[in-house]
């Protein structure tokens, strides 16, 4: 057998991979900071960050050093033992949050699974047997496990997987009166994203966020904040709930936590954590030394005041720049989001064509995302410089100019 790497292309995906994804024809092979290079050596500015994951850019030297050092010490022991990197990361996360207890997992879906199980287990131990309803919101996204997609409020992710877990109610997002009518003594938890990411980069209003907290307290329901995407500095504060003046009972986070290395966490209080006693939940890989060593290095860099200040400044620069493009070409409506998680909704004339913008941006060397067919999503590195942001906006300008010059195609 040859020791040389096998030759693979995008066509290899169709030959050997389950077709649940439809990846772009471009195959990235190298990254550094805010830039990526493909198999042909073409360079791109990355305003997607692997869906808001590589928050410190690609191959950040402190993350590489942490991974390399830990790889030469200890990789895995499972949770029949603990390990030093996991304990250090848990300590740091409690210092940076409301929480006093941490559970580690491998993905946002798993962190949310743990949160939902905690909510029901706590209710079964401390409240009535029928206090098991979980309230979530339309257009939410909480992951891909069967429980997580059932709590998420998008039918396209549950069709064909029935029967689904029961006891879940979905309500309109940012509609406090609907929640006031629905929540009851049977509600064990309300789960929300401070900014609905996959659902269109739609922030909660301050009134809604405060009202949800009040109603959860009133009805002895846990307030679960899904900060898988908004956490770890993405919003301009370490966690987005800080900007609303709301303290949740449980918080889940992943994506940017490991800067690209798979790791996730559920954060909660001493009292609530006690409901997940020995043997009630677990994860073989959760909290492994490699992941938590990298995550601690990422957390320390993200928590620096200079990093969070840069998120605010570059977020405002991005917001201004895309707003200027909206006025110039008429593709977008008013931007929404927080920090460096921004969405540009398509204008009425360009309804449903967010993917066209992403494709055009790629042709001009800029990697962006969609948040459904109606919204272009941007989530660049938290460390992106003013000059790099300006360069990305120039590339987006060229993409928008190209689209605006094409004959108009009706979507109606």
Protein backbone atom coordinates (compact mmCIF):
# COMPACT_ATOMS: atom_id res chain seq x y z
CA UNK A 1 0.00 0.00 0.00
CA UNK A 2 1.31 3.43 -0.94
CA UNK A 3 2.18 5.82 1.88
CA UNK A 4 1.24 8.78 -0.30
CA UNK A 5 -2.12 10.49 0.33
CA UNK A 6 -4.97 9.26 -1.86
CA UNK A 7 -6.13 11.65 -4.56
CA UNK A 8 -9.59 12.95 -3.72
CA UNK A 9 -11.85 15.59 -5.29
CA UNK A 10 -15.38 16.85 -4.81
CA UNK A 11 -16.54 13.91 -6.97
CA UNK A 12 -15.20 11.55 -4.31
CA UNK A 13 -17.90 12.83 -1.98
CA UNK A 14 -20.64 11.55 -4.27
CA UNK A 15 -18.92 8.17 -4.45
CA UNK A 16 -18.29 7.48 -0.78
CA UNK A 17 -20.34 9.81 1.42
CA UNK A 18 -23.98 9.58 2.54
CA UNK A 19 -25.79 12.25 0.43
CA UNK A 20 -27.28 14.18 3.36
CA UNK A 21 -25.04 17.16 2.47
CA UNK A 22 -24.59 19.03 -0.79
CA UNK A 23 -21.15 20.60 -0.36
CA UNK A 24 -19.80 23.27 -2.66
CA UNK A 25 -17.53 22.23 -5.50
CA UNK A 26 -14.65 24.04 -3.78
CA UNK A 27 -12.48 21.82 -1.54
CA UNK A 28 -10.50 23.86 1.02
CA UNK A 29 -7.12 22.38 1.92
CA UNK A 30 -5.44 25.06 4.03
CA UNK A 31 -6.40 27.94 6.28
CA UNK A 32 -4.56 30.71 8.07
CA UNK A 33 -6.27 33.48 10.01
CA UNK A 34 -9.24 34.76 8.00
CA UNK A 35 -8.10 33.13 4.75
CA UNK A 36 -8.66 29.75 3.08
CA UNK A 37 -7.03 28.12 0.05
CA UNK A 38 -8.59 25.43 -2.15
CA UNK A 39 -7.09 22.50 -4.07
CA UNK A 40 -6.25 24.82 -6.95
CA UNK A 41 -4.45 27.26 -4.68
CA UNK A 42 -7.14 29.93 -4.94
CA UNK A 43 -7.47 32.19 -1.88
CA UNK A 44 -10.72 33.17 -0.13
CA UNK A 45 -11.64 35.47 2.75
CA UNK A 46 -13.68 33.46 5.23
CA UNK A 47 -16.83 35.26 6.45
CA UNK A 48 -18.46 31.92 7.34
CA UNK A 49 -16.04 30.37 9.88
CA UNK A 50 -17.42 26.89 9.34
CA UNK A 51 -20.84 28.16 10.48
CA UNK A 52 -19.53 30.40 13.27
CA UNK A 53 -17.06 27.80 14.57
CA UNK A 54 -13.51 28.98 13.79
CA UNK A 55 -14.03 32.17 15.77
CA UNK A 56 -10.31 32.83 16.14
CA UNK A 57 -9.59 32.12 12.50
CA UNK A 58 -7.82 29.15 11.02
CA UNK A 59 -4.79 27.54 12.69
CA UNK A 60 -4.54 30.12 15.46
CA UNK A 61 -1.03 29.61 16.91
CA UNK A 62 -2.22 29.39 20.53
CA UNK A 63 -4.76 26.71 19.64
CA UNK A 64 -2.20 24.80 17.58
CA UNK A 65 0.25 24.97 20.48
CA UNK A 66 -2.36 23.75 22.98
CA UNK A 67 -3.40 20.86 20.76
CA UNK A 68 0.20 19.86 20.02
CA UNK A 69 1.24 19.97 23.66
CA UNK A 70 -1.77 17.93 24.82
CA UNK A 71 -1.36 15.44 21.97
CA UNK A 72 2.04 14.60 23.40
CA UNK A 73 0.64 14.07 26.90
CA UNK A 74 -2.78 12.40 27.03
CA UNK A 75 -5.57 11.98 24.48
CA UNK A 76 -8.40 10.10 26.17
CA UNK A 77 -9.35 8.43 29.43
CA UNK A 78 -13.20 8.47 29.32
CA UNK A 79 -15.29 9.64 32.23
CA UNK A 80 -14.41 6.75 34.51
CA UNK A 81 -11.59 9.16 35.37
CA UNK A 82 -11.33 12.92 35.19
CA UNK A 83 -8.52 14.88 33.57
CA UNK A 84 -6.75 18.17 34.17
CA UNK A 85 -7.67 20.06 30.95
CA UNK A 86 -11.39 19.38 31.50
CA UNK A 87 -11.24 20.59 35.09
CA UNK A 88 -9.35 23.74 34.12
CA UNK A 89 -11.85 24.54 31.34
CA UNK A 90 -14.82 23.94 33.65
CA UNK A 91 -13.28 26.26 36.26
CA UNK A 92 -12.77 28.99 33.65
CA UNK A 93 -16.29 28.70 32.24
CA UNK A 94 -17.80 29.07 35.71
CA UNK A 95 -15.65 32.17 36.26
CA UNK A 96 -16.95 33.68 33.02
CA UNK A 97 -20.63 32.85 33.53
CA UNK A 98 -23.53 32.57 35.97
CA UNK A 99 -22.94 28.83 36.25
CA UNK A 100 -21.30 26.74 38.93
CA UNK A 101 -21.47 23.35 37.20
CA UNK A 102 -20.49 22.17 33.70
CA UNK A 103 -21.25 19.09 31.59
CA UNK A 104 -19.05 18.51 28.52
CA UNK A 105 -20.20 16.99 25.24
CA UNK A 106 -19.03 16.96 21.62
CA UNK A 107 -21.60 19.06 19.77
CA UNK A 108 -24.36 21.59 20.23
CA UNK A 109 -26.96 18.90 19.66
CA UNK A 110 -25.54 16.86 22.54
CA UNK A 111 -25.34 19.87 24.84
CA UNK A 112 -28.99 20.63 24.13
CA UNK A 113 -29.95 17.00 24.61
CA UNK A 114 -28.38 17.19 28.06
CA UNK A 115 -30.23 20.43 28.84
CA UNK A 116 -33.61 19.04 27.82
CA UNK A 117 -33.04 15.86 29.82
CA UNK A 118 -31.97 17.93 32.83
CA UNK A 119 -35.16 19.99 32.61
CA UNK A 120 -37.41 16.93 32.63
CA UNK A 121 -35.38 15.08 35.24
CA UNK A 122 -35.41 18.08 37.57
CA UNK A 123 -39.17 18.47 37.16
CA UNK A 124 -39.76 14.77 37.84
CA UNK A 125 -37.71 14.94 41.02
CA UNK A 126 -38.97 18.24 42.42
CA UNK A 127 -42.40 18.93 40.88
CA UNK A 128 -45.52 17.13 39.70
CA UNK A 129 -45.23 14.08 37.42
CA UNK A 130 -47.02 15.90 34.58
CA UNK A 131 -44.65 18.90 34.62
CA UNK A 132 -42.83 17.80 31.47
CA UNK A 133 -43.80 20.24 28.69
CA UNK A 134 -40.97 22.00 26.87
CA UNK A 135 -41.88 25.25 25.10
CA UNK A 136 -39.75 26.31 22.14
CA UNK A 137 -40.23 28.69 19.20
CA UNK A 138 -40.94 28.50 15.49
CA UNK A 139 -37.84 28.82 13.27
CA UNK A 140 -35.59 27.75 16.13
CA UNK A 141 -32.73 25.31 15.62
CA UNK A 142 -31.36 23.22 18.45
CA UNK A 143 -29.50 20.42 16.69
CA UNK A 144 -30.01 17.18 14.79
CA UNK A 145 -30.69 14.46 17.34
CA UNK A 146 -34.31 13.35 17.33
CA UNK A 147 -35.04 15.18 20.60
CA UNK A 148 -33.22 18.31 19.41
CA UNK A 149 -34.96 18.54 16.02
CA UNK A 150 -38.27 17.95 17.76
CA UNK A 151 -37.66 20.90 20.08
CA UNK A 152 -36.39 22.99 17.16
CA UNK A 153 -39.25 24.74 15.41
CA UNK A 154 -38.61 23.80 11.76
CA UNK A 155 -40.74 21.02 10.27
CA UNK A 156 -38.32 20.40 7.39
CA UNK A 157 -35.90 18.79 9.84
CA UNK A 158 -38.46 16.38 11.35
CA UNK A 159 -40.42 15.21 8.30
CA UNK A 160 -40.01 11.50 7.75
CA UNK A 161 -38.60 10.85 11.23
CA UNK A 162 -41.93 10.45 13.01
CA UNK A 163 -43.08 9.53 15.59
CA UNK A 164 -41.36 12.38 17.38
CA UNK A 165 -40.85 12.85 21.12
CA UNK A 166 -43.95 14.42 22.63
CA UNK A 167 -44.60 17.09 25.21
CA UNK A 168 -43.17 19.91 23.08
CA UNK A 169 -45.05 23.12 22.21
CA UNK A 170 -43.94 25.64 19.58
CA UNK A 171 -44.88 29.32 19.69
CA UNK A 172 -44.08 32.41 17.59
CA UNK A 173 -40.71 33.97 18.44
CA UNK A 174 -40.79 37.44 20.02
CA UNK A 175 -44.51 37.04 20.82
CA UNK A 176 -44.72 37.42 24.59
CA UNK A 177 -48.53 37.28 24.70
CA UNK A 178 -48.48 33.84 23.05
CA UNK A 179 -46.12 32.58 25.74
CA UNK A 180 -48.23 34.13 28.50
CA UNK A 181 -51.22 32.16 27.25
CA UNK A 182 -49.37 28.89 26.75
CA UNK A 183 -47.05 28.53 29.75
CA UNK A 184 -48.51 26.69 32.74
CA UNK A 185 -47.73 24.55 35.76
CA UNK A 186 -47.08 21.69 33.31
CA UNK A 187 -44.19 23.55 31.64
CA UNK A 188 -40.79 22.31 32.79
CA UNK A 189 -38.68 24.52 30.50
CA UNK A 190 -38.66 27.24 27.88
CA UNK A 191 -35.75 27.09 25.44
CA UNK A 192 -34.70 29.97 23.23
CA UNK A 193 -31.82 31.31 21.18
CA UNK A 194 -31.01 34.96 21.92
CA UNK A 195 -30.51 35.25 18.16
CA UNK A 196 -32.18 32.64 15.99
CA UNK A 197 -29.28 31.69 13.73
CA UNK A 198 -30.51 29.06 11.27
CA UNK A 199 -33.96 30.63 11.45
CA UNK A 200 -32.82 33.87 9.77
CA UNK A 201 -30.45 35.65 12.20
CA UNK A 202 -33.38 37.12 14.14
CA UNK A 203 -32.56 38.59 17.57
CA UNK A 204 -34.93 38.41 20.50
CA UNK A 205 -36.28 41.79 21.51
CA UNK A 206 -35.28 42.98 24.96
CA UNK A 207 -38.92 43.05 26.04
CA UNK A 208 -39.39 39.44 24.94
CA UNK A 209 -36.20 38.20 26.62
CA UNK A 210 -37.09 39.88 29.92
CA UNK A 211 -40.67 38.65 29.69
CA UNK A 212 -39.63 35.05 29.09
CA UNK A 213 -37.40 35.19 32.17
CA UNK A 214 -40.24 36.60 34.27
CA UNK A 215 -42.72 33.95 33.11
CA UNK A 216 -40.29 31.09 33.68
CA UNK A 217 -39.68 32.27 37.24
CA UNK A 218 -43.39 32.69 37.82
CA UNK A 219 -44.23 29.16 36.64
CA UNK A 220 -41.13 27.41 38.05
CA UNK A 221 -39.97 26.49 34.56
CA UNK A 222 -36.30 26.41 33.65
CA UNK A 223 -35.09 29.01 31.17
CA UNK A 224 -32.66 27.34 28.76
CA UNK A 225 -30.54 29.58 26.54
CA UNK A 226 -29.17 27.92 23.44
CA UNK A 227 -25.96 29.87 22.84
CA UNK A 228 -24.37 27.27 20.59
CA UNK A 229 -23.93 29.92 17.90
CA UNK A 230 -24.12 33.21 19.82
CA UNK A 231 -21.77 32.22 22.65
CA UNK A 232 -18.00 32.50 22.93
CA UNK A 233 -17.72 36.15 21.97
CA UNK A 234 -19.70 35.97 18.74
CA UNK A 235 -22.23 38.58 19.91
CA UNK A 236 -19.68 41.03 21.36
CA UNK A 237 -20.00 39.78 24.95
CA UNK A 238 -18.81 36.37 26.03
CA UNK A 239 -22.42 35.18 26.07
CA UNK A 240 -25.22 37.03 24.31
CA UNK A 241 -27.63 36.84 27.26
CA UNK A 242 -25.43 39.39 29.03
CA UNK A 243 -26.66 42.03 26.59
CA UNK A 244 -30.27 41.40 27.57
CA UNK A 245 -29.75 41.59 31.31
CA UNK A 246 -31.14 38.05 31.60
CA UNK A 247 -29.63 35.16 33.55
CA UNK A 248 -30.78 31.74 32.32
CA UNK A 249 -31.01 28.62 34.45
CA UNK A 250 -29.22 26.48 31.87
CA UNK A 251 -27.00 27.50 28.95
CA UNK A 252 -25.64 25.41 26.10
CA UNK A 253 -22.65 26.32 23.98
CA UNK A 254 -20.47 24.72 21.31
CA UNK A 255 -19.28 25.95 17.87
CA UNK A 256 -16.73 28.65 18.76
CA UNK A 257 -15.92 27.05 22.12
CA UNK A 258 -13.20 24.89 20.58
CA UNK A 259 -12.23 27.18 17.72
CA UNK A 260 -12.80 24.27 15.32
CA UNK A 261 -12.12 21.31 17.59
CA UNK A 262 -15.38 19.48 18.43
CA UNK A 263 -16.42 20.33 21.98
CA UNK A 264 -19.58 21.54 23.69
CA UNK A 265 -20.80 22.37 27.17
CA UNK A 266 -23.96 22.66 29.19
CA UNK A 267 -23.70 25.17 32.04
CA UNK A 268 -26.03 25.33 35.01
CA UNK A 269 -26.27 25.90 38.78
CA UNK A 270 -25.43 23.67 41.74
CA UNK A 271 -29.09 23.08 42.61
CA UNK A 272 -30.11 22.07 39.09
CA UNK A 273 -27.01 20.01 38.40
CA UNK A 274 -27.86 17.79 41.36
CA UNK A 275 -30.76 16.40 39.34
CA UNK A 276 -28.33 14.72 36.96
CA UNK A 277 -26.87 12.38 39.52
CA UNK A 278 -24.47 9.51 38.93
CA UNK A 279 -25.46 7.40 35.92
CA UNK A 280 -28.29 9.61 34.66
CA UNK A 281 -26.42 10.96 31.62
CA UNK A 282 -23.02 10.67 30.00
CA UNK A 283 -20.71 10.92 27.01
CA UNK A 284 -17.71 8.73 26.23
CA UNK A 285 -15.79 11.48 24.46
CA UNK A 286 -17.27 14.46 26.30
CA UNK A 287 -14.61 16.45 28.13
CA UNK A 288 -11.70 14.55 26.62
CA UNK A 289 -8.24 16.10 27.21
CA UNK A 290 -7.56 17.09 23.59
CA UNK A 291 -10.82 18.98 23.16
CA UNK A 292 -10.78 20.73 26.50
CA UNK A 293 -7.12 21.77 26.22
CA UNK A 294 -7.84 23.47 22.89
CA UNK A 295 -11.08 24.98 24.20
CA UNK A 296 -9.35 26.51 27.21
CA UNK A 297 -6.84 28.19 24.91
CA UNK A 298 -9.73 29.47 22.78
CA UNK A 299 -11.69 30.72 25.78
CA UNK A 300 -8.72 32.65 27.14
CA UNK A 301 -8.23 34.40 23.80
CA UNK A 302 -11.93 35.12 23.32
CA UNK A 303 -12.33 36.52 26.86
CA UNK A 304 -9.64 39.16 26.33
CA UNK A 305 -11.23 42.66 26.39
CA UNK A 306 -9.36 43.47 23.16
CA UNK A 307 -11.05 40.55 21.37
CA UNK A 308 -14.56 41.52 22.48
CA UNK A 309 -13.92 45.18 21.62
CA UNK A 310 -12.83 44.11 18.15
CA UNK A 311 -16.06 42.14 17.70
CA UNK A 312 -18.09 45.27 18.43
CA UNK A 313 -15.99 47.50 16.16
CA UNK A 314 -15.79 45.09 13.24
CA UNK A 315 -19.46 44.21 13.60
CA UNK A 316 -20.36 47.87 13.19
CA UNK A 317 -18.00 48.13 10.21
CA UNK A 318 -19.64 45.11 8.57
CA UNK A 319 -23.12 46.44 9.29
CA UNK A 320 -22.30 49.83 7.74
CA UNK A 321 -20.61 48.27 4.72
CA UNK A 322 -23.41 45.87 3.85
CA UNK A 323 -25.99 48.61 4.43
CA UNK A 324 -24.16 50.72 1.84
CA UNK A 325 -24.28 47.80 -0.58
CA UNK A 326 -28.00 47.42 0.10
CA UNK A 327 -28.55 51.05 -0.85
CA UNK A 328 -26.36 50.77 -3.93
CA UNK A 329 -27.73 47.56 -5.44
CA UNK A 330 -31.12 46.95 -3.82
CA UNK A 331 -30.44 43.32 -2.93
CA UNK A 332 -30.89 43.54 0.84
CA UNK A 333 -33.18 44.92 3.49
CA UNK A 334 -32.00 46.21 6.87
CA UNK A 335 -29.39 44.01 8.56
CA UNK A 336 -30.08 42.26 11.84
CA UNK A 337 -28.07 40.35 14.41
CA UNK A 338 -25.49 41.00 17.11
CA UNK A 339 -21.74 41.52 16.98
CA UNK A 340 -20.21 39.44 14.21
CA UNK A 341 -23.30 37.33 13.61
CA UNK A 342 -25.22 39.36 11.05
CA UNK A 343 -27.94 38.54 8.55
CA UNK A 344 -28.87 40.46 5.41
CA UNK A 345 -32.49 39.66 4.46
CA UNK A 346 -33.12 39.69 0.72
CA UNK A 347 -35.23 42.54 -0.61
CA UNK A 348 -38.65 41.89 -2.15
CA UNK A 349 -37.17 41.96 -5.65
CA UNK A 350 -34.59 39.31 -4.70
CA UNK A 351 -36.80 37.14 -2.51
CA UNK A 352 -35.51 33.59 -2.12
CA UNK A 353 -32.13 34.26 -3.73
CA UNK A 354 -29.73 34.33 -0.79
CA UNK A 355 -27.90 31.32 -2.25
CA UNK A 356 -27.23 33.31 -5.44
CA UNK A 357 -25.42 35.94 -3.37
CA UNK A 358 -23.32 33.29 -1.61
CA UNK A 359 -22.38 31.73 -4.95
CA UNK A 360 -21.47 35.11 -6.45
CA UNK A 361 -19.37 35.97 -3.39
CA UNK A 362 -17.44 32.73 -3.82
CA UNK A 363 -16.64 33.65 -7.41
CA UNK A 364 -15.08 36.83 -6.01
CA UNK A 365 -13.14 35.06 -3.27
CA UNK A 366 -15.46 35.58 -0.30
CA UNK A 367 -17.03 32.79 1.73
CA UNK A 368 -20.45 33.62 3.25
CA UNK A 369 -23.48 31.60 4.39
CA UNK A 370 -27.24 31.49 4.09
CA UNK A 371 -29.75 31.35 6.93
CA UNK A 372 -32.56 29.88 4.88
CA UNK A 373 -33.36 31.06 1.32
CA UNK A 374 -34.11 34.61 2.41
CA UNK A 375 -31.05 35.68 4.41
CA UNK A 376 -27.31 35.96 3.71
CA UNK A 377 -25.46 35.20 6.94
CA UNK A 378 -22.01 36.53 7.85
CA UNK A 379 -19.92 35.27 10.77
CA UNK A 380 -16.25 36.19 10.25
CA UNK A 381 -13.42 35.66 12.72
CA UNK A 382 -13.61 37.60 15.97
CA UNK A 383 -10.03 38.69 15.26
CA UNK A 384 -10.61 40.03 11.76
CA UNK A 385 -8.83 43.34 11.21
CA UNK A 386 -10.27 46.56 9.89
CA UNK A 387 -8.30 46.13 6.64
CA UNK A 388 -9.44 42.52 6.20
CA UNK A 389 -13.06 43.52 6.77
CA UNK A 390 -12.73 46.29 4.18
CA UNK A 391 -11.26 43.80 1.72
CA UNK A 392 -14.16 41.41 2.29
CA UNK A 393 -16.66 44.21 1.72
CA UNK A 394 -14.94 45.08 -1.57
CA UNK A 395 -15.30 41.49 -2.69
CA UNK A 396 -18.97 41.48 -1.69
CA UNK A 397 -19.41 44.75 -3.58
CA UNK A 398 -18.06 43.08 -6.73
CA UNK A 399 -20.40 40.11 -6.24
CA UNK A 400 -23.44 42.34 -5.75
CA UNK A 401 -22.51 44.42 -8.80
CA UNK A 402 -22.29 41.26 -10.86
CA UNK A 403 -25.73 40.08 -9.72
CA UNK A 404 -27.35 43.48 -10.15
CA UNK A 405 -26.12 43.62 -13.76
CA UNK A 406 -27.80 40.34 -14.68
CA UNK A 407 -31.29 40.25 -16.25
CA UNK A 408 -33.89 40.14 -13.48
CA UNK A 409 -35.39 36.69 -12.89
CA UNK A 410 -38.90 36.56 -11.46
CA UNK A 411 -39.48 34.33 -8.44
CA UNK A 412 -43.20 34.72 -8.49
